[in-house]
């Protein structure tokens, strides 16, 4: 993954944290809103890390504060735009689904972290 400044990052850097990967596309406004809602509700939790991932170098969505990275080429657990992957502290997939249809389940799971 690459951040907006051009620095490369790997998921190994996030080991020891619970990581929420939300894959977004400008065409999916509700998914972007839900990533932002989740980020704002949990940003103060030091155990959690959030990554708003775009498959290409789209500008950061307006009125958002979640961290954005770009994933050009690799699959990131097979997640497509509009989907999320929740990784445990050990890096294993704990949950995955739609940022719209499964958002309530994700929120409930995040409350226990």
C-alpha atoms as a PDB file:
ATOM      1  CA  UNK A   1       0.000   0.000   0.000  1.00  0.00           C
ATOM      2  CA  UNK A   2       1.114   3.551  -0.620  1.00  0.00           C
ATOM      3  CA  UNK A   3       0.077   6.616   1.379  1.00  0.00           C
ATOM      4  CA  UNK A   4      -0.711   9.995  -0.254  1.00  0.00           C
ATOM      5  CA  UNK A   5       2.878  11.152   0.375  1.00  0.00           C
ATOM      6  CA  UNK A   6       4.187   8.199  -1.642  1.00  0.00           C
ATOM      7  CA  UNK A   7       5.506   6.067   1.238  1.00  0.00           C
ATOM      8  CA  UNK A   8       4.985   2.303   1.036  1.00  0.00           C
ATOM      9  CA  UNK A   9       3.418   0.383   3.917  1.00  0.00           C
ATOM     10  CA  UNK A  10       2.796  -3.292   4.619  1.00  0.00           C
ATOM     11  CA  UNK A  11       0.217  -4.893   6.864  1.00  0.00           C
ATOM     12  CA  UNK A  12       3.074  -6.241   8.991  1.00  0.00           C
ATOM     13  CA  UNK A  13       3.491  -2.688  10.346  1.00  0.00           C
ATOM     14  CA  UNK A  14       0.059  -2.981  11.967  1.00  0.00           C
ATOM     15  CA  UNK A  15       0.632  -6.305  13.753  1.00  0.00           C
ATOM     16  CA  UNK A  16      -0.426  -6.024  17.388  1.00  0.00           C
ATOM     17  CA  UNK A  17      -3.385  -3.811  16.475  1.00  0.00           C
ATOM     18  CA  UNK A  18      -6.896  -4.611  15.351  1.00  0.00           C
ATOM     19  CA  UNK A  19      -7.084  -3.295  11.777  1.00  0.00           C
ATOM     20  CA  UNK A  20     -10.155  -2.249   9.839  1.00  0.00           C
ATOM     21  CA  UNK A  21      -9.586  -2.139   6.098  1.00  0.00           C
ATOM     22  CA  UNK A  22     -12.393  -0.392   4.238  1.00  0.00           C
ATOM     23  CA  UNK A  23     -12.109  -0.468   0.458  1.00  0.00           C
ATOM     24  CA  UNK A  24     -13.763   2.549  -1.098  1.00  0.00           C
ATOM     25  CA  UNK A  25     -14.571   3.980  -4.472  1.00  0.00           C
ATOM     26  CA  UNK A  26     -16.062   7.378  -5.286  1.00  0.00           C
ATOM     27  CA  UNK A  27     -19.031   5.546  -6.807  1.00  0.00           C
ATOM     28  CA  UNK A  28     -20.005   4.171  -3.383  1.00  0.00           C
ATOM     29  CA  UNK A  29     -20.868   7.167  -1.251  1.00  0.00           C
ATOM     30  CA  UNK A  30     -22.618   5.138   1.468  1.00  0.00           C
ATOM     31  CA  UNK A  31     -19.519   2.979   1.970  1.00  0.00           C
ATOM     32  CA  UNK A  32     -17.365   6.106   2.373  1.00  0.00           C
ATOM     33  CA  UNK A  33     -19.820   7.556   4.903  1.00  0.00           C
ATOM     34  CA  UNK A  34     -19.765   4.304   6.885  1.00  0.00           C
ATOM     35  CA  UNK A  35     -15.952   4.149   6.966  1.00  0.00           C
ATOM     36  CA  UNK A  36     -15.952   7.719   8.288  1.00  0.00           C
ATOM     37  CA  UNK A  37     -18.630   6.952  10.905  1.00  0.00           C
ATOM     38  CA  UNK A  38     -16.690   3.936  12.136  1.00  0.00           C
ATOM     39  CA  UNK A  39     -13.429   5.871  12.214  1.00  0.00           C
ATOM     40  CA  UNK A  40     -14.896   8.793  14.173  1.00  0.00           C
ATOM     41  CA  UNK A  41     -16.567   6.459  16.671  1.00  0.00           C
ATOM     42  CA  UNK A  42     -13.351   4.503  17.337  1.00  0.00           C
ATOM     43  CA  UNK A  43     -10.403   6.754  16.447  1.00  0.00           C
ATOM     44  CA  UNK A  44      -9.478   7.329  20.089  1.00  0.00           C
ATOM     45  CA  UNK A  45      -9.001   3.577  20.748  1.00  0.00           C
ATOM     46  CA  UNK A  46      -5.217   2.954  20.739  1.00  0.00           C
ATOM     47  CA  UNK A  47      -5.725  -0.743  19.882  1.00  0.00           C
ATOM     48  CA  UNK A  48      -7.380   0.052  16.541  1.00  0.00           C
ATOM     49  CA  UNK A  49      -6.021   1.143  13.177  1.00  0.00           C
ATOM     50  CA  UNK A  50      -8.118   2.166  10.188  1.00  0.00           C
ATOM     51  CA  UNK A  51      -7.190   2.090   6.531  1.00  0.00           C
ATOM     52  CA  UNK A  52      -9.447   3.517   3.861  1.00  0.00           C
ATOM     53  CA  UNK A  53      -8.094   1.781   0.777  1.00  0.00           C
ATOM     54  CA  UNK A  54      -8.625   2.895  -2.797  1.00  0.00           C
ATOM     55  CA  UNK A  55      -7.679   0.638  -5.703  1.00  0.00           C
ATOM     56  CA  UNK A  56      -6.364   3.655  -7.602  1.00  0.00           C
ATOM     57  CA  UNK A  57      -5.080   7.097  -6.685  1.00  0.00           C
ATOM     58  CA  UNK A  58      -8.430   8.789  -6.257  1.00  0.00           C
ATOM     59  CA  UNK A  59      -8.367  12.018  -4.246  1.00  0.00           C
ATOM     60  CA  UNK A  60      -9.418  11.585  -0.623  1.00  0.00           C
ATOM     61  CA  UNK A  61     -13.199  11.848  -0.362  1.00  0.00           C
ATOM     62  CA  UNK A  62     -14.378  15.297   0.763  1.00  0.00           C
ATOM     63  CA  UNK A  63     -15.321  15.751   4.421  1.00  0.00           C
ATOM     64  CA  UNK A  64     -13.494  12.621   5.572  1.00  0.00           C
ATOM     65  CA  UNK A  65     -10.808  12.211   8.198  1.00  0.00           C
ATOM     66  CA  UNK A  66      -9.993   8.491   7.992  1.00  0.00           C
ATOM     67  CA  UNK A  67      -6.467   7.569   6.844  1.00  0.00           C
ATOM     68  CA  UNK A  68      -6.250   6.818   3.126  1.00  0.00           C
ATOM     69  CA  UNK A  69      -3.840   4.485   1.350  1.00  0.00           C
ATOM     70  CA  UNK A  70      -3.714   3.275  -2.228  1.00  0.00           C
ATOM     71  CA  UNK A  71      -3.507  -0.337  -3.219  1.00  0.00           C
ATOM     72  CA  UNK A  72      -2.464  -0.598  -6.811  1.00  0.00           C
ATOM     73  CA  UNK A  73      -2.324  -4.216  -7.842  1.00  0.00           C
ATOM     74  CA  UNK A  74      -2.398  -6.446  -4.758  1.00  0.00           C
ATOM     75  CA  UNK A  75      -5.638  -7.968  -3.542  1.00  0.00           C
ATOM     76  CA  UNK A  76      -5.801  -7.174   0.210  1.00  0.00           C
ATOM     77  CA  UNK A  77      -7.634 -10.331   1.228  1.00  0.00           C
ATOM     78  CA  UNK A  78      -9.815 -10.208  -1.884  1.00  0.00           C
ATOM     79  CA  UNK A  79     -11.807  -7.196  -0.645  1.00  0.00           C
ATOM     80  CA  UNK A  80     -13.540  -5.221  -3.371  1.00  0.00           C
ATOM     81  CA  UNK A  81     -14.755  -1.607  -3.279  1.00  0.00           C
ATOM     82  CA  UNK A  82     -17.597  -1.343  -0.786  1.00  0.00           C
ATOM     83  CA  UNK A  83     -16.254  -4.139   1.408  1.00  0.00           C
ATOM     84  CA  UNK A  84     -14.289  -4.329   4.652  1.00  0.00           C
ATOM     85  CA  UNK A  85     -11.912  -6.754   6.294  1.00  0.00           C
ATOM     86  CA  UNK A  86     -11.367  -6.781  10.063  1.00  0.00           C
ATOM     87  CA  UNK A  87      -7.976  -8.190  11.105  1.00  0.00           C
ATOM     88  CA  UNK A  88      -7.144  -9.435  14.576  1.00  0.00           C
ATOM     89  CA  UNK A  89      -4.029  -8.358  16.446  1.00  0.00           C
ATOM     90  CA  UNK A  90      -2.230 -11.372  14.979  1.00  0.00           C
ATOM     91  CA  UNK A  91      -3.155 -10.406  11.424  1.00  0.00           C
ATOM     92  CA  UNK A  92      -5.778 -13.069  10.788  1.00  0.00           C
ATOM     93  CA  UNK A  93      -9.123 -12.233   9.199  1.00  0.00           C
ATOM     94  CA  UNK A  94     -11.703 -11.963  11.958  1.00  0.00           C
ATOM     95  CA  UNK A  95     -14.609 -10.652   9.911  1.00  0.00           C
ATOM     96  CA  UNK A  96     -15.351  -9.463   6.398  1.00  0.00           C
ATOM     97  CA  UNK A  97     -18.355  -8.154   4.540  1.00  0.00           C
ATOM     98  CA  UNK A  98     -20.143  -5.240   2.945  1.00  0.00           C
ATOM     99  CA  UNK A  99     -19.640  -1.734   4.313  1.00  0.00           C
ATOM    100  CA  UNK A 100     -23.368  -1.222   3.782  1.00  0.00           C
ATOM    101  CA  UNK A 101     -25.173  -4.536   4.387  1.00  0.00           C
ATOM    102  CA  UNK A 102     -22.898  -5.736   7.214  1.00  0.00           C
ATOM    103  CA  UNK A 103     -22.139  -2.365   8.786  1.00  0.00           C
ATOM    104  CA  UNK A 104     -24.248  -2.925  11.923  1.00  0.00           C
ATOM    105  CA  UNK A 105     -22.501  -6.236  12.627  1.00  0.00           C
ATOM    106  CA  UNK A 106     -19.123  -4.589  12.166  1.00  0.00           C
ATOM    107  CA  UNK A 107     -20.065  -1.764  14.536  1.00  0.00           C
ATOM    108  CA  UNK A 108     -21.150  -4.264  17.211  1.00  0.00           C
ATOM    109  CA  UNK A 109     -17.935  -6.233  16.821  1.00  0.00           C
ATOM    110  CA  UNK A 110     -15.855  -3.049  17.080  1.00  0.00           C
ATOM    111  CA  UNK A 111     -17.482  -2.083  20.392  1.00  0.00           C
ATOM    112  CA  UNK A 112     -15.891  -5.133  21.980  1.00  0.00           C
ATOM    113  CA  UNK A 113     -12.361  -4.224  20.867  1.00  0.00           C
END
